[in-house]
């Protein structure tokens, strides 16, 4: 089945400011930034790769015809995270939405996973999300409003061989999302997670076995295709918008996996 056309923007985020981590590339982060910008948001792209960041920020800027802010940040580095927060405050004035998209994948049997591999994926996926939330939450609490969207994965719920380390971090993100949401709800700050199924993009296709990807699609995806990255971005934009004002501590599955 072919994917549907990308929906017409409706101005869901008009006037809001949005920060997206790991937003330079062909994946969910950049598609999310595109969608948020199309919906009227002022966006700030962040990524650890400076040259790629500038290229993708320029691409989005050319597309929308207005300034796209950008700042290099490695979420595994506390100083980088703090610098990103300070830059966002200075450039945007306020931070309405923060999307924690940065993450590492990989397929390795648990018994073959080294301490170094385990620590690296934990530091980027789970601790990186924690660092960003720890930095931005006081700002949002002081504003009396804000929305954080964390990226989890379907493997946090559904078993997949060779994904133990990755799945553990993504399940941890869901637990952290729920608990942190209860801490800040009284200040009108919302924290939710998106749980995507398989979304194909150029960077993933380059590093993954195509036969393995096709097998996953045929075995798990009811539509007979992977998600488009913008389909995940649409769900993130919904959680960033006022249409989700009564949602916090939730995990929104963007999936057609069979029960």
C-alpha atoms as a PDB file:
ATOM      1  CA  UNK A   1       0.000   0.000   0.000  1.00  0.00           C
ATOM      2  CA  UNK A   2       1.309   3.434  -0.939  1.00  0.00           C
ATOM      3  CA  UNK A   3       1.462   6.156   1.718  1.00  0.00           C
ATOM      4  CA  UNK A   4      -1.119   8.954   1.584  1.00  0.00           C
ATOM      5  CA  UNK A   5      -0.134  12.494   0.587  1.00  0.00           C
ATOM      6  CA  UNK A   6       1.183  14.741   3.322  1.00  0.00           C
ATOM      7  CA  UNK A   7      -1.758  16.640   4.883  1.00  0.00           C
ATOM      8  CA  UNK A   8      -2.355  20.330   4.266  1.00  0.00           C
ATOM      9  CA  UNK A   9      -1.080  22.407   7.234  1.00  0.00           C
ATOM     10  CA  UNK A  10      -3.750  23.890   9.511  1.00  0.00           C
ATOM     11  CA  UNK A  11      -1.744  26.408  11.539  1.00  0.00           C
ATOM     12  CA  UNK A  12      -1.791  24.221  14.661  1.00  0.00           C
ATOM     13  CA  UNK A  13       1.404  25.745  16.040  1.00  0.00           C
ATOM     14  CA  UNK A  14       1.073  29.318  14.873  1.00  0.00           C
ATOM     15  CA  UNK A  15       3.368  31.546  16.945  1.00  0.00           C
ATOM     16  CA  UNK A  16       4.784  28.747  19.073  1.00  0.00           C
ATOM     17  CA  UNK A  17       8.528  28.103  19.439  1.00  0.00           C
ATOM     18  CA  UNK A  18       9.840  24.572  18.970  1.00  0.00           C
ATOM     19  CA  UNK A  19      13.271  23.044  19.675  1.00  0.00           C
ATOM     20  CA  UNK A  20      14.053  19.676  18.059  1.00  0.00           C
ATOM     21  CA  UNK A  21      17.187  17.682  18.923  1.00  0.00           C
ATOM     22  CA  UNK A  22      18.939  15.485  16.341  1.00  0.00           C
ATOM     23  CA  UNK A  23      17.009  17.308  13.622  1.00  0.00           C
ATOM     24  CA  UNK A  24      19.612  17.261  10.837  1.00  0.00           C
ATOM     25  CA  UNK A  25      19.164  14.326   8.515  1.00  0.00           C
ATOM     26  CA  UNK A  26      16.524  12.281   6.743  1.00  0.00           C
ATOM     27  CA  UNK A  27      14.784  10.916   9.837  1.00  0.00           C
ATOM     28  CA  UNK A  28      11.992  11.755  12.250  1.00  0.00           C
ATOM     29  CA  UNK A  29      13.729  14.832  13.701  1.00  0.00           C
ATOM     30  CA  UNK A  30      13.905  16.796  10.469  1.00  0.00           C
ATOM     31  CA  UNK A  31      10.417  15.714   9.405  1.00  0.00           C
ATOM     32  CA  UNK A  32       9.145  16.914  12.771  1.00  0.00           C
ATOM     33  CA  UNK A  33      10.844  20.270  12.301  1.00  0.00           C
ATOM     34  CA  UNK A  34       9.309  20.533   8.809  1.00  0.00           C
ATOM     35  CA  UNK A  35       5.830  19.770  10.102  1.00  0.00           C
ATOM     36  CA  UNK A  36       6.105  22.187  13.025  1.00  0.00           C
ATOM     37  CA  UNK A  37       7.369  24.938  10.720  1.00  0.00           C
ATOM     38  CA  UNK A  38       4.594  24.217   8.215  1.00  0.00           C
ATOM     39  CA  UNK A  39       2.104  24.502  11.076  1.00  0.00           C
ATOM     40  CA  UNK A  40       3.384  28.007  11.846  1.00  0.00           C
ATOM     41  CA  UNK A  41       6.005  27.417  14.528  1.00  0.00           C
ATOM     42  CA  UNK A  42       9.329  29.209  14.915  1.00  0.00           C
ATOM     43  CA  UNK A  43      11.810  26.329  14.954  1.00  0.00           C
ATOM     44  CA  UNK A  44      15.292  25.728  16.298  1.00  0.00           C
ATOM     45  CA  UNK A  45      17.158  22.728  14.921  1.00  0.00           C
ATOM     46  CA  UNK A  46      19.892  21.048  16.930  1.00  0.00           C
ATOM     47  CA  UNK A  47      22.271  18.243  16.029  1.00  0.00           C
ATOM     48  CA  UNK A  48      25.758  17.066  16.992  1.00  0.00           C
ATOM     49  CA  UNK A  49      26.982  17.271  13.373  1.00  0.00           C
ATOM     50  CA  UNK A  50      27.682  20.946  12.635  1.00  0.00           C
ATOM     51  CA  UNK A  51      28.004  20.795   8.842  1.00  0.00           C
ATOM     52  CA  UNK A  52      24.908  18.642   8.440  1.00  0.00           C
ATOM     53  CA  UNK A  53      22.993  20.893  10.829  1.00  0.00           C
ATOM     54  CA  UNK A  54      23.738  24.005   8.800  1.00  0.00           C
ATOM     55  CA  UNK A  55      22.768  22.256   5.577  1.00  0.00           C
ATOM     56  CA  UNK A  56      19.402  21.031   6.836  1.00  0.00           C
ATOM     57  CA  UNK A  57      18.579  24.276   8.617  1.00  0.00           C
ATOM     58  CA  UNK A  58      19.272  26.154   5.371  1.00  0.00           C
ATOM     59  CA  UNK A  59      17.101  23.675   3.473  1.00  0.00           C
ATOM     60  CA  UNK A  60      14.165  24.238   5.809  1.00  0.00           C
ATOM     61  CA  UNK A  61      14.718  27.983   5.805  1.00  0.00           C
ATOM     62  CA  UNK A  62      14.562  28.024   2.011  1.00  0.00           C
ATOM     63  CA  UNK A  63      11.389  25.962   2.110  1.00  0.00           C
ATOM     64  CA  UNK A  64       9.435  28.134   4.557  1.00  0.00           C
ATOM     65  CA  UNK A  65      10.906  31.538   3.706  1.00  0.00           C
ATOM     66  CA  UNK A  66      11.706  32.607   7.250  1.00  0.00           C
ATOM     67  CA  UNK A  67      14.516  32.183   9.767  1.00  0.00           C
ATOM     68  CA  UNK A  68      15.335  28.711  11.042  1.00  0.00           C
ATOM     69  CA  UNK A  69      17.506  28.876  14.152  1.00  0.00           C
ATOM     70  CA  UNK A  70      20.220  26.295  14.650  1.00  0.00           C
ATOM     71  CA  UNK A  71      22.656  25.265  17.391  1.00  0.00           C
ATOM     72  CA  UNK A  72      25.056  22.348  17.596  1.00  0.00           C
ATOM     73  CA  UNK A  73      24.480  20.074  20.614  1.00  0.00           C
ATOM     74  CA  UNK A  74      25.583  16.608  21.683  1.00  0.00           C
ATOM     75  CA  UNK A  75      22.983  15.487  24.231  1.00  0.00           C
ATOM     76  CA  UNK A  76      25.542  13.229  25.908  1.00  0.00           C
ATOM     77  CA  UNK A  77      27.423  16.393  26.962  1.00  0.00           C
ATOM     78  CA  UNK A  78      25.888  18.418  29.810  1.00  0.00           C
ATOM     79  CA  UNK A  79      27.683  21.631  28.786  1.00  0.00           C
ATOM     80  CA  UNK A  80      26.270  21.311  25.258  1.00  0.00           C
ATOM     81  CA  UNK A  81      22.751  20.852  26.599  1.00  0.00           C
ATOM     82  CA  UNK A  82      23.040  23.923  28.829  1.00  0.00           C
ATOM     83  CA  UNK A  83      24.445  25.942  25.932  1.00  0.00           C
ATOM     84  CA  UNK A  84      21.534  24.857  23.723  1.00  0.00           C
ATOM     85  CA  UNK A  85      19.042  25.951  26.372  1.00  0.00           C
ATOM     86  CA  UNK A  86      20.712  29.355  26.783  1.00  0.00           C
ATOM     87  CA  UNK A  87      20.831  29.849  23.010  1.00  0.00           C
ATOM     88  CA  UNK A  88      17.163  28.888  22.633  1.00  0.00           C
ATOM     89  CA  UNK A  89      16.133  31.342  25.346  1.00  0.00           C
ATOM     90  CA  UNK A  90      18.168  34.147  23.771  1.00  0.00           C
ATOM     91  CA  UNK A  91      17.005  33.494  20.193  1.00  0.00           C
ATOM     92  CA  UNK A  92      13.394  32.471  20.754  1.00  0.00           C
ATOM     93  CA  UNK A  93      12.497  34.461  23.850  1.00  0.00           C
ATOM     94  CA  UNK A  94      10.493  31.562  25.264  1.00  0.00           C
ATOM     95  CA  UNK A  95      10.444  27.805  24.715  1.00  0.00           C
ATOM     96  CA  UNK A  96       6.963  26.459  24.097  1.00  0.00           C
ATOM     97  CA  UNK A  97       7.866  22.995  22.818  1.00  0.00           C
ATOM     98  CA  UNK A  98      10.945  20.790  23.193  1.00  0.00           C
ATOM     99  CA  UNK A  99      11.219  17.543  21.204  1.00  0.00           C
ATOM    100  CA  UNK A 100      13.757  15.003  22.511  1.00  0.00           C
ATOM    101  CA  UNK A 101      14.510  13.097  19.329  1.00  0.00           C
ATOM    102  CA  UNK A 102      18.224  12.267  19.732  1.00  0.00           C
ATOM    103  CA  UNK A 103      18.888   8.542  19.893  1.00  0.00           C
ATOM    104  CA  UNK A 104      21.117   5.653  18.886  1.00  0.00           C
ATOM    105  CA  UNK A 105      20.014   2.289  17.530  1.00  0.00           C
ATOM    106  CA  UNK A 106      21.734  -0.948  16.636  1.00  0.00           C
ATOM    107  CA  UNK A 107      21.075  -4.671  16.566  1.00  0.00           C
ATOM    108  CA  UNK A 108      23.183  -6.807  18.924  1.00  0.00           C
ATOM    109  CA  UNK A 109      22.416  -9.895  20.966  1.00  0.00           C
ATOM    110  CA  UNK A 110      22.455  -9.157  24.670  1.00  0.00           C
ATOM    111  CA  UNK A 111      25.278 -11.649  25.281  1.00  0.00           C
ATOM    112  CA  UNK A 112      27.386  -9.905  22.644  1.00  0.00           C
ATOM    113  CA  UNK A 113      26.744  -6.348  23.880  1.00  0.00           C
ATOM    114  CA  UNK A 114      29.831  -4.793  25.456  1.00  0.00           C
ATOM    115  CA  UNK A 115      29.785  -2.472  28.442  1.00  0.00           C
ATOM    116  CA  UNK A 116      30.890   0.314  26.121  1.00  0.00           C
ATOM    117  CA  UNK A 117      28.006  -0.285  23.690  1.00  0.00           C
ATOM    118  CA  UNK A 118      25.497  -0.477  26.545  1.00  0.00           C
ATOM    119  CA  UNK A 119      26.772   2.712  28.182  1.00  0.00           C
ATOM    120  CA  UNK A 120      26.822   4.649  24.918  1.00  0.00           C
ATOM    121  CA  UNK A 121      23.249   3.861  23.925  1.00  0.00           C
ATOM    122  CA  UNK A 122      22.056   4.522  27.478  1.00  0.00           C
ATOM    123  CA  UNK A 123      23.911   7.850  27.633  1.00  0.00           C
ATOM    124  CA  UNK A 124      22.438   9.182  24.404  1.00  0.00           C
ATOM    125  CA  UNK A 125      18.909   7.754  24.455  1.00  0.00           C
ATOM    126  CA  UNK A 126      17.881   7.776  28.108  1.00  0.00           C
ATOM    127  CA  UNK A 127      20.356  10.022  29.889  1.00  0.00           C
ATOM    128  CA  UNK A 128      20.367  12.492  26.985  1.00  0.00           C
ATOM    129  CA  UNK A 129      16.599  12.816  27.262  1.00  0.00           C
ATOM    130  CA  UNK A 130      16.970  13.234  31.027  1.00  0.00           C
ATOM    131  CA  UNK A 131      19.612  15.963  30.599  1.00  0.00           C
ATOM    132  CA  UNK A 132      17.422  17.959  28.230  1.00  0.00           C
ATOM    133  CA  UNK A 133      14.346  17.634  30.432  1.00  0.00           C
ATOM    134  CA  UNK A 134      16.308  18.612  33.527  1.00  0.00           C
ATOM    135  CA  UNK A 135      17.541  21.729  31.732  1.00  0.00           C
ATOM    136  CA  UNK A 136      14.324  22.965  30.127  1.00  0.00           C
ATOM    137  CA  UNK A 137      11.695  22.072  32.734  1.00  0.00           C
ATOM    138  CA  UNK A 138      12.539  24.941  35.136  1.00  0.00           C
ATOM    139  CA  UNK A 139      12.196  27.366  32.217  1.00  0.00           C
ATOM    140  CA  UNK A 140       8.779  25.998  31.275  1.00  0.00           C
ATOM    141  CA  UNK A 141       7.642  25.953  34.904  1.00  0.00           C
ATOM    142  CA  UNK A 142       8.629  29.624  35.249  1.00  0.00           C
ATOM    143  CA  UNK A 143       6.643  30.407  32.083  1.00  0.00           C
ATOM    144  CA  UNK A 144       3.642  28.521  33.432  1.00  0.00           C
ATOM    145  CA  UNK A 145       3.341  26.562  30.187  1.00  0.00           C
ATOM    146  CA  UNK A 146       5.234  24.196  27.921  1.00  0.00           C
ATOM    147  CA  UNK A 147       5.156  20.863  26.150  1.00  0.00           C
ATOM    148  CA  UNK A 148       7.893  18.239  25.974  1.00  0.00           C
ATOM    149  CA  UNK A 149       7.651  15.300  23.581  1.00  0.00           C
ATOM    150  CA  UNK A 150      10.031  12.374  24.064  1.00  0.00           C
ATOM    151  CA  UNK A 151      10.742   9.785  21.379  1.00  0.00           C
ATOM    152  CA  UNK A 152      10.307   6.188  22.469  1.00  0.00           C
ATOM    153  CA  UNK A 153       9.856   3.128  20.236  1.00  0.00           C
ATOM    154  CA  UNK A 154       7.471   0.245  19.661  1.00  0.00           C
ATOM    155  CA  UNK A 155      10.175  -2.084  21.010  1.00  0.00           C
ATOM    156  CA  UNK A 156       9.547  -0.599  24.455  1.00  0.00           C
ATOM    157  CA  UNK A 157       6.321  -2.650  24.343  1.00  0.00           C
ATOM    158  CA  UNK A 158       6.892  -5.421  21.785  1.00  0.00           C
ATOM    159  CA  UNK A 159       9.707  -7.936  21.953  1.00  0.00           C
ATOM    160  CA  UNK A 160      12.302  -7.858  19.171  1.00  0.00           C
ATOM    161  CA  UNK A 161      15.441 -10.001  19.197  1.00  0.00           C
ATOM    162  CA  UNK A 162      18.802  -8.131  19.222  1.00  0.00           C
ATOM    163  CA  UNK A 163      17.141  -4.950  20.558  1.00  0.00           C
ATOM    164  CA  UNK A 164      17.655  -5.435  24.313  1.00  0.00           C
ATOM    165  CA  UNK A 165      19.793  -2.349  24.927  1.00  0.00           C
ATOM    166  CA  UNK A 166      17.772  -0.073  22.662  1.00  0.00           C
ATOM    167  CA  UNK A 167      14.454  -1.343  24.031  1.00  0.00           C
ATOM    168  CA  UNK A 168      15.605  -0.853  27.619  1.00  0.00           C
ATOM    169  CA  UNK A 169      16.351   2.823  26.959  1.00  0.00           C
ATOM    170  CA  UNK A 170      13.062   3.384  25.154  1.00  0.00           C
ATOM    171  CA  UNK A 171      11.069   1.713  27.935  1.00  0.00           C
ATOM    172  CA  UNK A 172      12.960   3.880  30.422  1.00  0.00           C
ATOM    173  CA  UNK A 173      11.918   6.981  28.483  1.00  0.00           C
ATOM    174  CA  UNK A 174       8.258   6.009  28.907  1.00  0.00           C
ATOM    175  CA  UNK A 175       8.623   5.550  32.669  1.00  0.00           C
ATOM    176  CA  UNK A 176      10.534   8.822  33.014  1.00  0.00           C
ATOM    177  CA  UNK A 177       7.913  10.618  30.915  1.00  0.00           C
ATOM    178  CA  UNK A 178       5.084   9.440  33.177  1.00  0.00           C
ATOM    179  CA  UNK A 179       6.825  10.303  36.436  1.00  0.00           C
ATOM    180  CA  UNK A 180       8.186  13.694  35.350  1.00  0.00           C
ATOM    181  CA  UNK A 181       4.774  14.666  33.975  1.00  0.00           C
ATOM    182  CA  UNK A 182       3.281  14.337  37.449  1.00  0.00           C
ATOM    183  CA  UNK A 183       5.960  16.643  38.873  1.00  0.00           C
ATOM    184  CA  UNK A 184       5.171  19.606  36.609  1.00  0.00           C
ATOM    185  CA  UNK A 185       1.477  19.297  35.760  1.00  0.00           C
ATOM    186  CA  UNK A 186       0.510  21.867  38.402  1.00  0.00           C
ATOM    187  CA  UNK A 187       2.578  24.443  36.494  1.00  0.00           C
ATOM    188  CA  UNK A 188       0.725  23.715  33.222  1.00  0.00           C
ATOM    189  CA  UNK A 189       3.712  21.889  31.704  1.00  0.00           C
ATOM    190  CA  UNK A 190       2.929  18.727  29.753  1.00  0.00           C
ATOM    191  CA  UNK A 191       5.278  15.816  29.020  1.00  0.00           C
ATOM    192  CA  UNK A 192       4.267  13.072  26.595  1.00  0.00           C
ATOM    193  CA  UNK A 193       5.968  10.435  24.485  1.00  0.00           C
ATOM    194  CA  UNK A 194       5.526   9.234  20.935  1.00  0.00           C
ATOM    195  CA  UNK A 195       5.987   5.525  20.291  1.00  0.00           C
ATOM    196  CA  UNK A 196       6.746   5.008  16.590  1.00  0.00           C
ATOM    197  CA  UNK A 197       6.729   1.777  14.719  1.00  0.00           C
ATOM    198  CA  UNK A 198       9.202   1.326  11.863  1.00  0.00           C
ATOM    199  CA  UNK A 199       9.755   4.539   9.883  1.00  0.00           C
ATOM    200  CA  UNK A 200      12.061   4.188   6.893  1.00  0.00           C
ATOM    201  CA  UNK A 201      14.484   6.919   5.884  1.00  0.00           C
ATOM    202  CA  UNK A 202      17.721   7.129   3.918  1.00  0.00           C
ATOM    203  CA  UNK A 203      20.089   6.930   6.887  1.00  0.00           C
ATOM    204  CA  UNK A 204      18.374   3.814   8.250  1.00  0.00           C
ATOM    205  CA  UNK A 205      18.332   2.103   4.870  1.00  0.00           C
ATOM    206  CA  UNK A 206      22.093   2.712   4.516  1.00  0.00           C
ATOM    207  CA  UNK A 207      22.955   0.884   7.752  1.00  0.00           C
ATOM    208  CA  UNK A 208      20.285  -1.843   7.902  1.00  0.00           C
ATOM    209  CA  UNK A 209      19.933  -5.092   5.970  1.00  0.00           C
ATOM    210  CA  UNK A 210      17.152  -4.472   3.405  1.00  0.00           C
ATOM    211  CA  UNK A 211      15.962  -8.082   3.687  1.00  0.00           C
ATOM    212  CA  UNK A 212      15.659  -7.661   7.460  1.00  0.00           C
ATOM    213  CA  UNK A 213      13.697  -4.430   7.057  1.00  0.00           C
ATOM    214  CA  UNK A 214      11.379  -6.001   4.500  1.00  0.00           C
ATOM    215  CA  UNK A 215      10.823  -8.984   6.781  1.00  0.00           C
ATOM    216  CA  UNK A 216       9.883  -6.649   9.643  1.00  0.00           C
ATOM    217  CA  UNK A 217       7.436  -4.790   7.435  1.00  0.00           C
ATOM    218  CA  UNK A 218       5.739  -7.926   6.137  1.00  0.00           C
ATOM    219  CA  UNK A 219       5.583  -9.522   9.585  1.00  0.00           C
ATOM    220  CA  UNK A 220       4.476  -6.537  11.639  1.00  0.00           C
ATOM    221  CA  UNK A 221       2.966  -3.704   9.623  1.00  0.00           C
ATOM    222  CA  UNK A 222      -0.759  -4.041   8.856  1.00  0.00           C
ATOM    223  CA  UNK A 223      -0.607  -1.551   5.977  1.00  0.00           C
ATOM    224  CA  UNK A 224       2.181  -3.567   4.345  1.00  0.00           C
ATOM    225  CA  UNK A 225       4.535  -0.584   4.478  1.00  0.00           C
ATOM    226  CA  UNK A 226       6.704   1.279   6.952  1.00  0.00           C
ATOM    227  CA  UNK A 227       5.624   4.657   8.286  1.00  0.00           C
ATOM    228  CA  UNK A 228       6.708   7.823   6.543  1.00  0.00           C
ATOM    229  CA  UNK A 229       8.812   9.990   8.847  1.00  0.00           C
ATOM    230  CA  UNK A 230       6.301  12.831   8.453  1.00  0.00           C
ATOM    231  CA  UNK A 231       3.572  10.546   9.790  1.00  0.00           C
ATOM    232  CA  UNK A 232       5.512  10.398  13.059  1.00  0.00           C
ATOM    233  CA  UNK A 233       6.100  14.152  12.872  1.00  0.00           C
ATOM    234  CA  UNK A 234       2.349  14.713  12.582  1.00  0.00           C
ATOM    235  CA  UNK A 235       1.749  12.948  15.896  1.00  0.00           C
ATOM    236  CA  UNK A 236       4.487  15.015  17.532  1.00  0.00           C
ATOM    237  CA  UNK A 237       2.942  18.212  16.198  1.00  0.00           C
ATOM    238  CA  UNK A 238      -0.410  17.156  17.655  1.00  0.00           C
ATOM    239  CA  UNK A 239       1.156  16.652  21.103  1.00  0.00           C
ATOM    240  CA  UNK A 240       2.874  20.030  20.754  1.00  0.00           C
ATOM    241  CA  UNK A 241      -0.398  21.750  19.929  1.00  0.00           C
ATOM    242  CA  UNK A 242      -3.289  22.958  22.061  1.00  0.00           C
ATOM    243  CA  UNK A 243      -5.398  20.117  20.664  1.00  0.00           C
ATOM    244  CA  UNK A 244      -3.672  17.819  23.171  1.00  0.00           C
ATOM    245  CA  UNK A 245      -4.123  20.163  26.147  1.00  0.00           C
ATOM    246  CA  UNK A 246      -5.537  17.428  28.409  1.00  0.00           C
ATOM    247  CA  UNK A 247      -2.784  14.907  27.659  1.00  0.00           C
ATOM    248  CA  UNK A 248       0.243  14.492  29.898  1.00  0.00           C
ATOM    249  CA  UNK A 249       2.256  11.467  30.962  1.00  0.00           C
ATOM    250  CA  UNK A 250       0.884   9.627  27.936  1.00  0.00           C
ATOM    251  CA  UNK A 251       2.520   7.432  25.307  1.00  0.00           C
ATOM    252  CA  UNK A 252       0.979   7.952  21.881  1.00  0.00           C
ATOM    253  CA  UNK A 253       1.547   4.941  19.651  1.00  0.00           C
ATOM    254  CA  UNK A 254       2.043   5.728  15.961  1.00  0.00           C
ATOM    255  CA  UNK A 255       1.783   2.192  14.746  1.00  0.00           C
ATOM    256  CA  UNK A 256      -0.252  -0.296  12.760  1.00  0.00           C
ATOM    257  CA  UNK A 257       1.257  -3.341  14.422  1.00  0.00           C
ATOM    258  CA  UNK A 258      -1.039  -6.283  14.867  1.00  0.00           C
ATOM    259  CA  UNK A 259      -2.061  -6.952  18.472  1.00  0.00           C
END
